[in-house]
């Protein structure tokens, strides 16, 4: 009970992020993808579909796991930065208000 029987495909995830970028243009500056929910490879692809923010590490994350996610719950900041660079983007650290941290 409570488990997802059929998960939507990765293409649907990418479409959703791309449509959000188009429809929310000018109203929402940052579109975030969660590596915990999508997995590392899909998040890297999502950067090509309008995503410009990576959802962070969740300590003792239970919601995604209980619904069948296998992506994990922790990446170090250095691992996140390496993943972003591997996707051809430039990582920038920020606070919760999107102020750049130097």
Protein backbone atom coordinates (compact mmCIF):
# COMPACT_ATOMS: atom_id res chain seq x y z
CA UNK A 1 0.00 0.00 0.00
CA UNK A 2 1.25 3.46 -0.84
CA UNK A 3 3.87 2.25 -3.34
CA UNK A 4 3.85 3.54 -6.87
CA UNK A 5 2.85 0.69 -9.17
CA UNK A 6 3.84 2.36 -12.42
CA UNK A 7 6.25 5.26 -12.33
CA UNK A 8 6.03 7.82 -15.07
CA UNK A 9 8.97 7.68 -17.42
CA UNK A 10 12.03 9.90 -17.40
CA UNK A 11 10.90 11.61 -20.60
CA UNK A 12 7.78 12.80 -18.74
CA UNK A 13 9.99 14.27 -16.01
CA UNK A 14 12.07 16.13 -18.57
CA UNK A 15 8.94 17.40 -20.35
CA UNK A 16 7.48 18.67 -17.08
CA UNK A 17 10.61 20.67 -16.29
CA UNK A 18 10.82 22.05 -19.84
CA UNK A 19 7.15 23.10 -19.82
CA UNK A 20 7.58 24.70 -16.38
CA UNK A 21 10.52 26.73 -17.72
CA UNK A 22 8.44 27.95 -20.68
CA UNK A 23 5.16 28.63 -18.85
CA UNK A 24 6.73 30.24 -15.79
CA UNK A 25 9.25 32.37 -17.71
CA UNK A 26 9.42 35.82 -16.13
CA UNK A 27 7.48 34.75 -13.03
CA UNK A 28 9.76 32.03 -11.65
CA UNK A 29 13.50 32.36 -12.14
CA UNK A 30 14.64 29.02 -10.77
CA UNK A 31 13.38 25.58 -11.72
CA UNK A 32 14.67 22.87 -9.38
CA UNK A 33 15.08 19.15 -9.99
CA UNK A 34 15.50 16.68 -7.16
CA UNK A 35 18.30 14.17 -7.66
CA UNK A 36 16.80 12.11 -4.81
CA UNK A 37 13.61 11.60 -6.79
CA UNK A 38 14.90 11.53 -10.38
CA UNK A 39 18.33 9.96 -10.00
CA UNK A 40 21.68 11.48 -10.93
CA UNK A 41 21.55 10.84 -14.68
CA UNK A 42 18.05 12.25 -15.15
CA UNK A 43 18.94 15.37 -13.17
CA UNK A 44 21.95 15.91 -15.41
CA UNK A 45 19.67 15.66 -18.46
CA UNK A 46 17.15 18.01 -16.84
CA UNK A 47 19.75 20.80 -17.00
CA UNK A 48 19.20 20.66 -20.78
CA UNK A 49 15.44 21.07 -20.28
CA UNK A 50 15.32 24.30 -18.31
CA UNK A 51 16.38 23.22 -14.84
CA UNK A 52 18.90 25.58 -13.24
CA UNK A 53 18.76 24.43 -9.62
CA UNK A 54 19.65 21.13 -8.01
CA UNK A 55 17.64 19.88 -5.05
CA UNK A 56 19.89 19.25 -2.10
CA UNK A 57 20.71 16.46 0.27
CA UNK A 58 17.97 15.21 2.56
CA UNK A 59 18.96 13.76 5.89
CA UNK A 60 16.95 10.71 6.92
CA UNK A 61 14.78 11.06 3.83
CA UNK A 62 11.84 8.66 3.98
CA UNK A 63 9.17 9.88 1.55
CA UNK A 64 11.00 9.06 -1.68
CA UNK A 65 12.30 5.75 -0.33
CA UNK A 66 8.84 4.64 0.79
CA UNK A 67 7.47 5.34 -2.68
CA UNK A 68 10.17 3.24 -4.34
CA UNK A 69 13.00 5.68 -5.12
CA UNK A 70 16.46 4.16 -5.32
CA UNK A 71 18.45 7.39 -5.84
CA UNK A 72 19.78 7.80 -2.30
CA UNK A 73 19.71 10.53 0.27
CA UNK A 74 23.17 12.08 0.52
CA UNK A 75 25.68 13.69 -1.84
CA UNK A 76 28.49 15.86 -0.57
CA UNK A 77 28.73 19.40 -1.98
CA UNK A 78 31.81 18.26 -3.89
CA UNK A 79 29.91 15.33 -5.45
CA UNK A 80 27.08 17.68 -6.44
CA UNK A 81 29.54 20.10 -8.00
CA UNK A 82 31.23 17.28 -9.95
CA UNK A 83 27.84 16.10 -11.26
CA UNK A 84 26.96 19.63 -12.39
CA UNK A 85 30.33 20.04 -14.12
CA UNK A 86 29.92 16.63 -15.81
CA UNK A 87 26.61 17.91 -17.19
CA UNK A 88 28.42 20.87 -18.76
CA UNK A 89 27.20 23.48 -16.30
CA UNK A 90 28.95 25.74 -13.80
CA UNK A 91 28.07 25.04 -10.16
CA UNK A 92 27.27 27.95 -7.86
CA UNK A 93 26.54 27.61 -4.15
CA UNK A 94 23.57 29.58 -2.84
CA UNK A 95 21.51 30.05 0.28
CA UNK A 96 17.75 29.43 0.57
CA UNK A 97 17.00 32.93 -0.73
CA UNK A 98 19.15 32.32 -3.83
CA UNK A 99 21.93 34.65 -2.71
CA UNK A 100 25.23 33.43 -4.13
CA UNK A 101 27.66 32.18 -1.49
CA UNK A 102 31.27 32.98 -2.28
